[in-house]
Amino acid sequence: MDIMKPTENDVLSGRGAWFNQHPGNEHFRKMVDEQKAVYMAGTKKQKMNMSNTIVEAIYSMKPPGRFLKKCPDTGQWSELSTRDAADR
């Protein structure tokens, strides 16, 4: 499904200031930073669980957050799979 415009809760896949300054990306980075020390000390299973918890927290926002990637050919945004989002 193509998405015309991301919401403030969406996490955008990409590099550069525009992506970094998007509110959804800022919130996502804050969530990751808060868990970083515990994540680094965790087992592989614990790390996977933490990643999934963060992804679910983004999905649970109002409006729901999504993990999006922009298609270079069409300029449209498409949603990443839950697995790809957790790998992020």
N, C-alpha and C. Protein backbone atom coordinates (compact mmCIF):
# COMPACT_ATOMS: atom_id res chain seq x y z
N MET A 1 0.85 -1.18 0.00
CA MET A 1 0.00 0.00 0.00
C MET A 1 0.89 1.24 0.00
N ASP A 2 0.66 2.14 -0.94
CA ASP A 2 1.42 3.38 -1.00
C ASP A 2 0.79 4.42 -0.09
N ILE A 3 1.65 5.20 0.55
CA ILE A 3 1.23 6.21 1.51
C ILE A 3 1.67 7.56 0.96
N MET A 4 0.74 8.49 0.86
CA MET A 4 1.05 9.79 0.28
C MET A 4 1.90 10.65 1.23
N LYS A 5 1.51 10.70 2.51
CA LYS A 5 2.19 11.58 3.43
C LYS A 5 2.32 10.91 4.80
N PRO A 6 3.54 10.83 5.33
CA PRO A 6 3.73 10.24 6.66
C PRO A 6 3.10 11.12 7.74
N THR A 7 2.71 10.48 8.84
CA THR A 7 2.20 11.23 9.99
C THR A 7 3.36 11.54 10.94
N GLU A 8 3.08 12.32 11.98
CA GLU A 8 4.13 12.70 12.94
C GLU A 8 4.62 11.51 13.76
N ASN A 9 3.88 10.41 13.78
CA ASN A 9 4.28 9.23 14.55
C ASN A 9 5.00 8.18 13.71
N ASP A 10 5.07 8.39 12.41
CA ASP A 10 5.75 7.43 11.54
C ASP A 10 7.26 7.55 11.68
N VAL A 11 7.94 6.42 11.55
CA VAL A 11 9.40 6.37 11.57
C VAL A 11 9.83 6.18 10.12
N LEU A 12 10.62 7.13 9.62
CA LEU A 12 10.99 7.14 8.22
C LEU A 12 12.39 6.56 8.04
N SER A 13 12.52 5.65 7.10
CA SER A 13 13.80 5.04 6.80
C SER A 13 14.55 5.92 5.82
N GLY A 14 15.74 6.33 6.21
CA GLY A 14 16.55 7.16 5.34
C GLY A 14 17.65 7.86 6.12
N ARG A 15 18.45 8.63 5.41
CA ARG A 15 19.58 9.34 6.02
C ARG A 15 19.43 10.84 5.81
N GLY A 16 20.05 11.59 6.69
CA GLY A 16 20.08 13.03 6.53
C GLY A 16 19.24 13.76 7.55
N ALA A 17 19.42 15.07 7.56
CA ALA A 17 18.77 15.93 8.55
C ALA A 17 17.24 15.83 8.48
N TRP A 18 16.69 15.79 7.27
CA TRP A 18 15.23 15.76 7.15
C TRP A 18 14.65 14.54 7.85
N PHE A 19 15.28 13.39 7.67
CA PHE A 19 14.82 12.16 8.33
C PHE A 19 15.05 12.26 9.84
N ASN A 20 16.22 12.73 10.23
CA ASN A 20 16.56 12.82 11.65
C ASN A 20 15.63 13.76 12.41
N GLN A 21 15.16 14.80 11.76
CA GLN A 21 14.32 15.79 12.41
C GLN A 21 12.83 15.47 12.37
N HIS A 22 12.47 14.41 11.68
CA HIS A 22 11.05 14.02 11.65
C HIS A 22 10.63 13.61 13.06
N PRO A 23 9.49 14.10 13.56
CA PRO A 23 9.09 13.80 14.95
C PRO A 23 9.03 12.31 15.28
N GLY A 24 8.58 11.49 14.37
CA GLY A 24 8.51 10.05 14.63
C GLY A 24 9.90 9.44 14.80
N ASN A 25 10.85 9.90 14.01
CA ASN A 25 12.22 9.42 14.12
C ASN A 25 12.85 9.89 15.42
N GLU A 26 12.57 11.15 15.83
CA GLU A 26 13.10 11.65 17.09
C GLU A 26 12.57 10.84 18.26
N HIS A 27 11.28 10.54 18.23
CA HIS A 27 10.67 9.74 19.31
C HIS A 27 11.26 8.32 19.32
N PHE A 28 11.41 7.73 18.16
CA PHE A 28 11.99 6.39 18.04
C PHE A 28 13.41 6.37 18.61
N ARG A 29 14.23 7.35 18.23
CA ARG A 29 15.61 7.40 18.74
C ARG A 29 15.65 7.56 20.25
N LYS A 30 14.73 8.36 20.79
CA LYS A 30 14.67 8.53 22.24
C LYS A 30 14.35 7.20 22.93
N MET A 31 13.39 6.47 22.38
CA MET A 31 13.03 5.16 22.94
C MET A 31 14.22 4.21 22.90
N VAL A 32 14.94 4.20 21.77
CA VAL A 32 16.10 3.32 21.62
C VAL A 32 17.20 3.73 22.60
N ASP A 33 17.47 5.03 22.69
CA ASP A 33 18.52 5.51 23.59
C ASP A 33 18.24 5.14 25.05
N GLU A 34 16.97 5.19 25.44
CA GLU A 34 16.60 4.85 26.82
C GLU A 34 16.87 3.38 27.14
N GLN A 35 16.89 2.53 26.14
CA GLN A 35 17.08 1.09 26.35
C GLN A 35 18.49 0.61 25.98
N LYS A 36 19.33 1.51 25.49
CA LYS A 36 20.61 1.12 24.90
C LYS A 36 21.50 0.32 25.85
N ALA A 37 21.68 0.76 27.09
CA ALA A 37 22.57 0.07 28.03
C ALA A 37 22.07 -1.34 28.32
N VAL A 38 20.78 -1.47 28.55
CA VAL A 38 20.20 -2.78 28.82
C VAL A 38 20.30 -3.67 27.58
N TYR A 39 20.06 -3.09 26.41
CA TYR A 39 20.13 -3.82 25.15
C TYR A 39 21.53 -4.38 24.94
N MET A 40 22.54 -3.54 25.13
CA MET A 40 23.92 -3.96 24.89
C MET A 40 24.33 -5.12 25.80
N ALA A 41 23.78 -5.19 26.99
CA ALA A 41 24.13 -6.24 27.95
C ALA A 41 23.25 -7.49 27.80
N GLY A 42 22.22 -7.42 26.98
CA GLY A 42 21.25 -8.50 26.89
C GLY A 42 21.68 -9.65 25.99
N THR A 43 20.97 -10.76 26.17
CA THR A 43 21.17 -11.92 25.31
C THR A 43 20.48 -11.64 23.96
N LYS A 44 20.72 -12.49 22.99
CA LYS A 44 20.10 -12.32 21.68
C LYS A 44 18.57 -12.31 21.81
N LYS A 45 18.04 -13.20 22.61
CA LYS A 45 16.59 -13.26 22.81
C LYS A 45 16.07 -11.99 23.48
N GLN A 46 16.80 -11.49 24.48
CA GLN A 46 16.38 -10.26 25.15
C GLN A 46 16.42 -9.08 24.19
N LYS A 47 17.43 -9.04 23.35
CA LYS A 47 17.54 -7.96 22.37
C LYS A 47 16.37 -8.01 21.38
N MET A 48 16.01 -9.21 20.95
CA MET A 48 14.89 -9.37 20.02
C MET A 48 13.59 -8.90 20.68
N ASN A 49 13.41 -9.27 21.95
CA ASN A 49 12.21 -8.86 22.68
C ASN A 49 12.15 -7.34 22.84
N MET A 50 13.29 -6.73 23.13
CA MET A 50 13.33 -5.27 23.28
C MET A 50 12.99 -4.58 21.96
N SER A 51 13.54 -5.08 20.87
CA SER A 51 13.24 -4.51 19.54
C SER A 51 11.75 -4.61 19.24
N ASN A 52 11.18 -5.77 19.51
CA ASN A 52 9.75 -5.97 19.26
C ASN A 52 8.89 -5.07 20.14
N THR A 53 9.32 -4.85 21.39
CA THR A 53 8.58 -3.97 22.30
C THR A 53 8.57 -2.54 21.78
N ILE A 54 9.70 -2.07 21.28
CA ILE A 54 9.77 -0.72 20.74
C ILE A 54 8.90 -0.59 19.50
N VAL A 55 8.95 -1.58 18.62
CA VAL A 55 8.12 -1.56 17.40
C VAL A 55 6.64 -1.53 17.79
N GLU A 56 6.25 -2.36 18.74
CA GLU A 56 4.84 -2.38 19.17
C GLU A 56 4.43 -1.04 19.79
N ALA A 57 5.34 -0.39 20.50
CA ALA A 57 5.03 0.91 21.09
C ALA A 57 4.77 1.94 19.99
N ILE A 58 5.53 1.88 18.92
CA ILE A 58 5.30 2.79 17.78
C ILE A 58 3.95 2.49 17.14
N TYR A 59 3.65 1.21 16.94
CA TYR A 59 2.37 0.82 16.34
C TYR A 59 1.18 1.21 17.22
N SER A 60 1.39 1.34 18.52
CA SER A 60 0.30 1.61 19.47
C SER A 60 0.01 3.09 19.67
N MET A 61 0.77 3.95 19.04
CA MET A 61 0.58 5.38 19.21
C MET A 61 -0.74 5.83 18.56
N LYS A 62 -1.17 7.03 18.92
CA LYS A 62 -2.38 7.62 18.34
C LYS A 62 -2.00 8.88 17.58
N PRO A 63 -2.12 8.95 16.26
CA PRO A 63 -2.44 7.86 15.35
C PRO A 63 -1.31 6.84 15.34
N PRO A 64 -1.62 5.62 14.91
CA PRO A 64 -0.59 4.57 14.92
C PRO A 64 0.64 4.97 14.08
N GLY A 65 1.80 4.72 14.65
CA GLY A 65 3.04 4.93 13.91
C GLY A 65 3.29 3.76 12.97
N ARG A 66 4.00 4.04 11.92
CA ARG A 66 4.38 3.01 10.96
C ARG A 66 5.87 3.19 10.65
N PHE A 67 6.49 2.18 10.12
CA PHE A 67 7.87 2.25 9.67
C PHE A 67 7.83 2.32 8.15
N LEU A 68 8.27 3.43 7.60
CA LEU A 68 8.08 3.69 6.18
C LEU A 68 9.40 3.87 5.44
N LYS A 69 9.36 3.48 4.17
CA LYS A 69 10.50 3.67 3.27
C LYS A 69 9.98 4.30 1.99
N LYS A 70 10.73 5.27 1.48
CA LYS A 70 10.30 5.98 0.27
C LYS A 70 10.85 5.29 -0.97
N CYS A 71 9.98 5.06 -1.93
CA CYS A 71 10.37 4.47 -3.20
C CYS A 71 11.05 5.55 -4.05
N PRO A 72 12.29 5.33 -4.46
CA PRO A 72 12.98 6.36 -5.24
C PRO A 72 12.36 6.60 -6.62
N ASP A 73 11.68 5.61 -7.15
CA ASP A 73 11.09 5.74 -8.49
C ASP A 73 9.78 6.53 -8.48
N THR A 74 8.92 6.24 -7.49
CA THR A 74 7.59 6.86 -7.47
C THR A 74 7.47 8.02 -6.49
N GLY A 75 8.37 8.05 -5.48
CA GLY A 75 8.26 9.06 -4.44
C GLY A 75 7.22 8.73 -3.39
N GLN A 76 6.58 7.59 -3.53
CA GLN A 76 5.56 7.16 -2.57
C GLN A 76 6.22 6.43 -1.40
N TRP A 77 5.56 6.51 -0.25
CA TRP A 77 6.03 5.81 0.93
C TRP A 77 5.33 4.46 1.01
N SER A 78 6.07 3.43 1.45
CA SER A 78 5.46 2.12 1.69
C SER A 78 5.89 1.63 3.06
N GLU A 79 5.04 0.82 3.65
CA GLU A 79 5.28 0.35 5.02
C GLU A 79 6.19 -0.87 5.02
N LEU A 80 7.17 -0.84 5.93
CA LEU A 80 8.05 -1.99 6.12
C LEU A 80 7.31 -3.08 6.88
N SER A 81 7.74 -4.30 6.72
CA SER A 81 7.17 -5.41 7.49
C SER A 81 7.55 -5.23 8.95
N THR A 82 6.83 -5.91 9.83
CA THR A 82 7.15 -5.87 11.26
C THR A 82 8.57 -6.36 11.50
N ARG A 83 8.97 -7.39 10.79
CA ARG A 83 10.31 -7.93 10.95
C ARG A 83 11.38 -6.91 10.52
N ASP A 84 11.16 -6.27 9.37
CA ASP A 84 12.11 -5.26 8.91
C ASP A 84 12.16 -4.08 9.90
N ALA A 85 11.01 -3.73 10.46
CA ALA A 85 10.97 -2.65 11.44
C ALA A 85 11.77 -3.02 12.68
N ALA A 86 11.64 -4.24 13.15
CA ALA A 86 12.37 -4.68 14.35
C ALA A 86 13.87 -4.76 14.07
N ASP A 87 14.25 -5.05 12.85
CA ASP A 87 15.67 -5.10 12.48
C ASP A 87 16.30 -3.72 12.44
N ARG A 88 15.47 -2.73 12.33
CA ARG A 88 15.94 -1.36 12.26
C ARG A 88 16.57 -0.99 13.56
